[in-house]
Amino acid sequence: MSEKYSNRHKKRVVQEGVRALKNKPGWDVENFVPASARAQERLMELDQQSRDEKVYAQAQRCEACEGLRERSGDTTALCETHLAEAMGF
């Protein structure tokens, strides 16, 4: 912009442009998540899924887990050790 426009006018033009961008689909800057963060989140989910599969496989052979499942009637119950492993401790 040239100097013939006032600062107030320039500010209004910029604000209108920002508002127009925010109204476009996919341009929500408040909820923007960079691709690298999504990839990191997905890796964490896969790691947790792998850990869960391993723990539940071990729990199928665990006497403490089996006893807890029988007493509680919960087919997914885990003993303290396997529960801690599933939670990542």
C-alpha atoms as a PDB file:
ATOM      1  CA  MET A   1       0.000   0.000   0.000  1.00  0.00           C
ATOM      2  CA  SER A   2       1.185   3.451  -0.595  1.00  0.00           C
ATOM      3  CA  GLU A   3       1.377   6.343   1.831  1.00  0.00           C
ATOM      4  CA  LYS A   4      -1.927   7.840   0.654  1.00  0.00           C
ATOM      5  CA  TYR A   5      -3.806   5.394   2.894  1.00  0.00           C
ATOM      6  CA  SER A   6      -4.062   6.054   6.617  1.00  0.00           C
ATOM      7  CA  ASN A   7      -2.856   3.543   9.187  1.00  0.00           C
ATOM      8  CA  ARG A   8      -6.474   3.014  10.235  1.00  0.00           C
ATOM      9  CA  HIS A   9      -7.433   2.090   6.665  1.00  0.00           C
ATOM     10  CA  LYS A  10      -4.443  -0.252   6.325  1.00  0.00           C
ATOM     11  CA  LYS A  11      -5.334  -1.964   9.606  1.00  0.00           C
ATOM     12  CA  ARG A  12      -8.959  -2.413   8.507  1.00  0.00           C
ATOM     13  CA  VAL A  13      -7.871  -3.933   5.175  1.00  0.00           C
ATOM     14  CA  VAL A  14      -5.531  -6.364   6.961  1.00  0.00           C
ATOM     15  CA  GLN A  15      -8.246  -7.344   9.455  1.00  0.00           C
ATOM     16  CA  GLU A  16     -10.703  -7.983   6.600  1.00  0.00           C
ATOM     17  CA  GLY A  17      -8.128 -10.195   4.883  1.00  0.00           C
ATOM     18  CA  VAL A  18      -7.493 -12.145   8.077  1.00  0.00           C
ATOM     19  CA  ARG A  19     -11.224 -12.568   8.630  1.00  0.00           C
ATOM     20  CA  ALA A  20     -11.661 -13.819   5.055  1.00  0.00           C
ATOM     21  CA  LEU A  21      -8.854 -16.362   5.511  1.00  0.00           C
ATOM     22  CA  LYS A  22     -10.261 -17.594   8.824  1.00  0.00           C
ATOM     23  CA  ASN A  23     -13.631 -18.192   7.143  1.00  0.00           C
ATOM     24  CA  LYS A  24     -12.074 -20.452   4.485  1.00  0.00           C
ATOM     25  CA  PRO A  25     -12.324 -24.193   5.174  1.00  0.00           C
ATOM     26  CA  GLY A  26      -9.068 -25.531   6.568  1.00  0.00           C
ATOM     27  CA  TRP A  27      -7.758 -22.132   7.673  1.00  0.00           C
ATOM     28  CA  ASP A  28      -8.789 -22.295  11.326  1.00  0.00           C
ATOM     29  CA  VAL A  29      -5.583 -21.042  12.956  1.00  0.00           C
ATOM     30  CA  GLU A  30      -6.832 -21.681  16.519  1.00  0.00           C
ATOM     31  CA  ASN A  31      -7.237 -25.410  15.827  1.00  0.00           C
ATOM     32  CA  PHE A  32      -4.299 -25.880  13.468  1.00  0.00           C
ATOM     33  CA  VAL A  33      -2.202 -28.961  14.174  1.00  0.00           C
ATOM     34  CA  PRO A  34       1.038 -29.253  12.200  1.00  0.00           C
ATOM     35  CA  ALA A  35       1.578 -32.458  10.244  1.00  0.00           C
ATOM     36  CA  SER A  36       4.608 -33.321  12.379  1.00  0.00           C
ATOM     37  CA  ALA A  37       2.441 -33.245  15.524  1.00  0.00           C
ATOM     38  CA  ARG A  38      -0.156 -35.507  13.881  1.00  0.00           C
ATOM     39  CA  ALA A  39       2.598 -37.937  12.868  1.00  0.00           C
ATOM     40  CA  GLN A  40       4.007 -37.943  16.398  1.00  0.00           C
ATOM     41  CA  GLU A  41       0.526 -38.544  17.819  1.00  0.00           C
ATOM     42  CA  ARG A  42      -0.025 -41.444  15.419  1.00  0.00           C
ATOM     43  CA  LEU A  43       3.315 -43.007  16.409  1.00  0.00           C
ATOM     44  CA  MET A  44       2.342 -42.776  20.070  1.00  0.00           C
ATOM     45  CA  GLU A  45      -1.006 -44.449  19.304  1.00  0.00           C
ATOM     46  CA  LEU A  46       0.730 -47.272  17.431  1.00  0.00           C
ATOM     47  CA  ASP A  47       3.200 -47.721  20.293  1.00  0.00           C
ATOM     48  CA  GLN A  48       0.345 -47.934  22.800  1.00  0.00           C
ATOM     49  CA  GLN A  49      -1.535 -50.383  20.577  1.00  0.00           C
ATOM     50  CA  SER A  50       1.545 -52.601  20.283  1.00  0.00           C
ATOM     51  CA  ARG A  51       2.089 -52.473  24.049  1.00  0.00           C
ATOM     52  CA  ASP A  52      -1.576 -53.367  24.668  1.00  0.00           C
ATOM     53  CA  GLU A  53      -1.418 -56.358  22.341  1.00  0.00           C
ATOM     54  CA  LYS A  54       1.735 -57.631  24.050  1.00  0.00           C
ATOM     55  CA  VAL A  55       0.326 -57.164  27.564  1.00  0.00           C
ATOM     56  CA  TYR A  56      -3.000 -58.833  26.783  1.00  0.00           C
ATOM     57  CA  ALA A  57      -1.191 -61.757  25.177  1.00  0.00           C
ATOM     58  CA  GLN A  58       0.904 -62.178  28.325  1.00  0.00           C
ATOM     59  CA  ALA A  59      -2.173 -61.736  30.533  1.00  0.00           C
ATOM     60  CA  GLN A  60      -3.864 -64.707  28.867  1.00  0.00           C
ATOM     61  CA  ARG A  61      -1.212 -66.936  30.464  1.00  0.00           C
ATOM     62  CA  CYS A  62      -1.042 -65.100  33.814  1.00  0.00           C
ATOM     63  CA  GLU A  63      -2.579 -66.885  36.804  1.00  0.00           C
ATOM     64  CA  ALA A  64      -3.128 -63.628  38.711  1.00  0.00           C
ATOM     65  CA  CYS A  65      -4.993 -62.091  35.762  1.00  0.00           C
ATOM     66  CA  GLU A  66      -7.038 -65.237  35.280  1.00  0.00           C
ATOM     67  CA  GLY A  67      -8.038 -65.305  38.964  1.00  0.00           C
ATOM     68  CA  LEU A  68      -8.983 -61.635  38.890  1.00  0.00           C
ATOM     69  CA  ARG A  69     -11.106 -62.151  35.775  1.00  0.00           C
ATOM     70  CA  GLU A  70     -12.928 -65.068  37.416  1.00  0.00           C
ATOM     71  CA  ARG A  71     -13.600 -63.136  40.642  1.00  0.00           C
ATOM     72  CA  SER A  72     -14.709 -59.923  38.978  1.00  0.00           C
ATOM     73  CA  GLY A  73     -16.509 -61.360  35.963  1.00  0.00           C
ATOM     74  CA  ASP A  74     -14.632 -58.826  33.805  1.00  0.00           C
ATOM     75  CA  THR A  75     -13.035 -60.593  30.843  1.00  0.00           C
ATOM     76  CA  THR A  76     -10.591 -57.710  30.367  1.00  0.00           C
ATOM     77  CA  ALA A  77      -9.344 -57.470  33.969  1.00  0.00           C
ATOM     78  CA  LEU A  78      -5.584 -57.348  34.466  1.00  0.00           C
ATOM     79  CA  CYS A  79      -3.451 -57.946  37.536  1.00  0.00           C
ATOM     80  CA  GLU A  80      -1.531 -54.961  38.924  1.00  0.00           C
ATOM     81  CA  THR A  81       1.647 -55.870  37.057  1.00  0.00           C
ATOM     82  CA  HIS A  82       0.002 -56.175  33.645  1.00  0.00           C
ATOM     83  CA  LEU A  83      -2.201 -53.141  34.251  1.00  0.00           C
ATOM     84  CA  ALA A  84       0.893 -51.055  34.989  1.00  0.00           C
ATOM     85  CA  GLU A  85       2.576 -52.374  31.829  1.00  0.00           C
ATOM     86  CA  ALA A  86      -0.516 -51.565  29.755  1.00  0.00           C
ATOM     87  CA  MET A  87      -0.503 -48.032  31.131  1.00  0.00           C
ATOM     88  CA  GLY A  88       3.158 -47.612  30.218  1.00  0.00           C
ATOM     89  CA  PHE A  89       4.645 -47.612  33.723  1.00  0.00           C
END
